[in-house]
């Protein structure tokens, strides 16, 4: 947290609410430090999830996780993001990169 002033790029942060290694209180401290420094960031706390984010997450949380990563990259890496036209994308509201 004391080095937040050195962060120069937007950050996307995900935390599991039940994470025994990184308590949510520390995640909130980091977000507050980034706020103070004016660093663009987006934080998501996933209810019921632990430290390992990925294949062990609930399907709904995994869809949210992947969707937000795609959206964030599209917004911050000068990419374009559009609604996904796949059946899964339509059901979950996920966004994806344009298909080539």
Protein backbone atom coordinates (compact mmCIF):
# COMPACT_ATOMS: atom_id res chain seq x y z
CA UNK A 1 0.00 0.00 0.00
CA UNK A 2 2.86 2.35 0.72
CA UNK A 3 4.03 2.04 -2.90
CA UNK A 4 0.70 2.89 -4.52
CA UNK A 5 2.21 6.18 -5.71
CA UNK A 6 4.45 4.15 -8.03
CA UNK A 7 1.54 2.55 -9.91
CA UNK A 8 1.19 4.24 -13.29
CA UNK A 9 -1.29 1.97 -15.11
CA UNK A 10 -4.96 1.11 -14.52
CA UNK A 11 -5.47 -1.98 -12.34
CA UNK A 12 -8.18 -4.63 -12.33
CA UNK A 13 -8.41 -6.30 -8.92
CA UNK A 14 -10.30 -9.46 -8.00
CA UNK A 15 -10.51 -10.88 -4.50
CA UNK A 16 -12.31 -13.85 -3.02
CA UNK A 17 -14.38 -12.86 -0.02
CA UNK A 18 -13.23 -16.00 1.85
CA UNK A 19 -9.53 -15.66 0.92
CA UNK A 20 -7.43 -16.76 3.92
CA UNK A 21 -4.21 -15.32 2.41
CA UNK A 22 -5.36 -11.85 1.36
CA UNK A 23 -8.10 -10.55 3.64
CA UNK A 24 -10.72 -8.29 2.07
CA UNK A 25 -9.65 -5.59 4.54
CA UNK A 26 -6.23 -5.48 2.84
CA UNK A 27 -7.86 -5.34 -0.60
CA UNK A 28 -9.88 -2.35 0.56
CA UNK A 29 -6.74 -0.69 1.94
CA UNK A 30 -5.06 -1.08 -1.45
CA UNK A 31 -8.10 0.37 -3.22
CA UNK A 32 -8.12 3.34 -0.82
CA UNK A 33 -4.40 3.94 -1.44
CA UNK A 34 -4.97 3.83 -5.20
CA UNK A 35 -7.88 6.28 -4.78
CA UNK A 36 -5.64 8.69 -2.87
CA UNK A 37 -3.03 8.52 -5.64
CA UNK A 38 -5.61 8.95 -8.40
CA UNK A 39 -4.78 5.57 -9.96
CA UNK A 40 -7.63 4.23 -12.09
CA UNK A 41 -8.72 0.86 -10.79
CA UNK A 42 -11.66 -1.48 -10.59
CA UNK A 43 -12.08 -3.90 -7.69
CA UNK A 44 -14.34 -6.93 -7.49
CA UNK A 45 -14.90 -8.96 -4.34
CA UNK A 46 -16.41 -12.34 -5.16
CA UNK A 47 -18.71 -13.69 -2.41
CA UNK A 48 -17.89 -17.16 -1.16
CA UNK A 49 -14.68 -17.49 -3.20
CA UNK A 50 -11.25 -18.18 -1.75
CA UNK A 51 -7.70 -17.37 -2.84
CA UNK A 52 -7.63 -19.47 -6.00
CA UNK A 53 -9.56 -17.66 -8.70
CA UNK A 54 -10.10 -19.57 -11.90
CA UNK A 55 -11.31 -23.11 -12.43
CA UNK A 56 -12.47 -23.48 -8.81
CA UNK A 57 -14.84 -20.50 -9.02
CA UNK A 58 -18.58 -20.86 -9.40
CA UNK A 59 -19.70 -20.72 -13.06
CA UNK A 60 -21.43 -17.34 -12.50
CA UNK A 61 -18.32 -15.82 -10.89
CA UNK A 62 -16.10 -17.27 -13.62
CA UNK A 63 -18.30 -15.70 -16.31
CA UNK A 64 -18.16 -12.34 -14.49
CA UNK A 65 -14.37 -12.66 -14.04
CA UNK A 66 -13.67 -13.40 -17.71
CA UNK A 67 -16.14 -10.79 -18.91
CA UNK A 68 -14.61 -8.03 -16.79
CA UNK A 69 -11.07 -8.95 -17.88
CA UNK A 70 -12.09 -8.72 -21.54
CA UNK A 71 -13.94 -5.46 -20.97
CA UNK A 72 -11.05 -3.97 -18.98
CA UNK A 73 -8.50 -4.88 -21.64
CA UNK A 74 -10.75 -3.43 -24.32
CA UNK A 75 -11.10 -0.18 -22.39
CA UNK A 76 -7.45 0.22 -21.39
CA UNK A 77 -5.49 -1.32 -24.26
CA UNK A 78 -7.26 0.68 -26.98
CA UNK A 79 -9.21 -2.36 -28.09
CA UNK A 80 -12.82 -2.39 -29.09
CA UNK A 81 -15.34 -4.34 -27.09
CA UNK A 82 -18.75 -5.37 -28.34
CA UNK A 83 -21.50 -7.62 -27.02
CA UNK A 84 -20.73 -11.29 -27.52
CA UNK A 85 -23.14 -12.90 -29.98
CA UNK A 86 -22.53 -16.45 -28.74
CA UNK A 87 -25.39 -18.14 -26.86
CA UNK A 88 -23.35 -18.16 -23.64
CA UNK A 89 -22.50 -14.48 -24.04
CA UNK A 90 -26.12 -13.55 -24.55
CA UNK A 91 -27.23 -15.50 -21.46
CA UNK A 92 -24.56 -14.09 -19.15
CA UNK A 93 -24.25 -10.60 -20.57
CA UNK A 94 -20.50 -11.15 -21.12
CA UNK A 95 -18.59 -8.86 -23.41
CA UNK A 96 -15.84 -10.05 -25.73
CA UNK A 97 -13.29 -8.76 -28.21
CA UNK A 98 -14.40 -8.44 -31.84
CA UNK A 99 -13.88 -11.64 -33.77
CA UNK A 100 -11.28 -11.50 -36.50
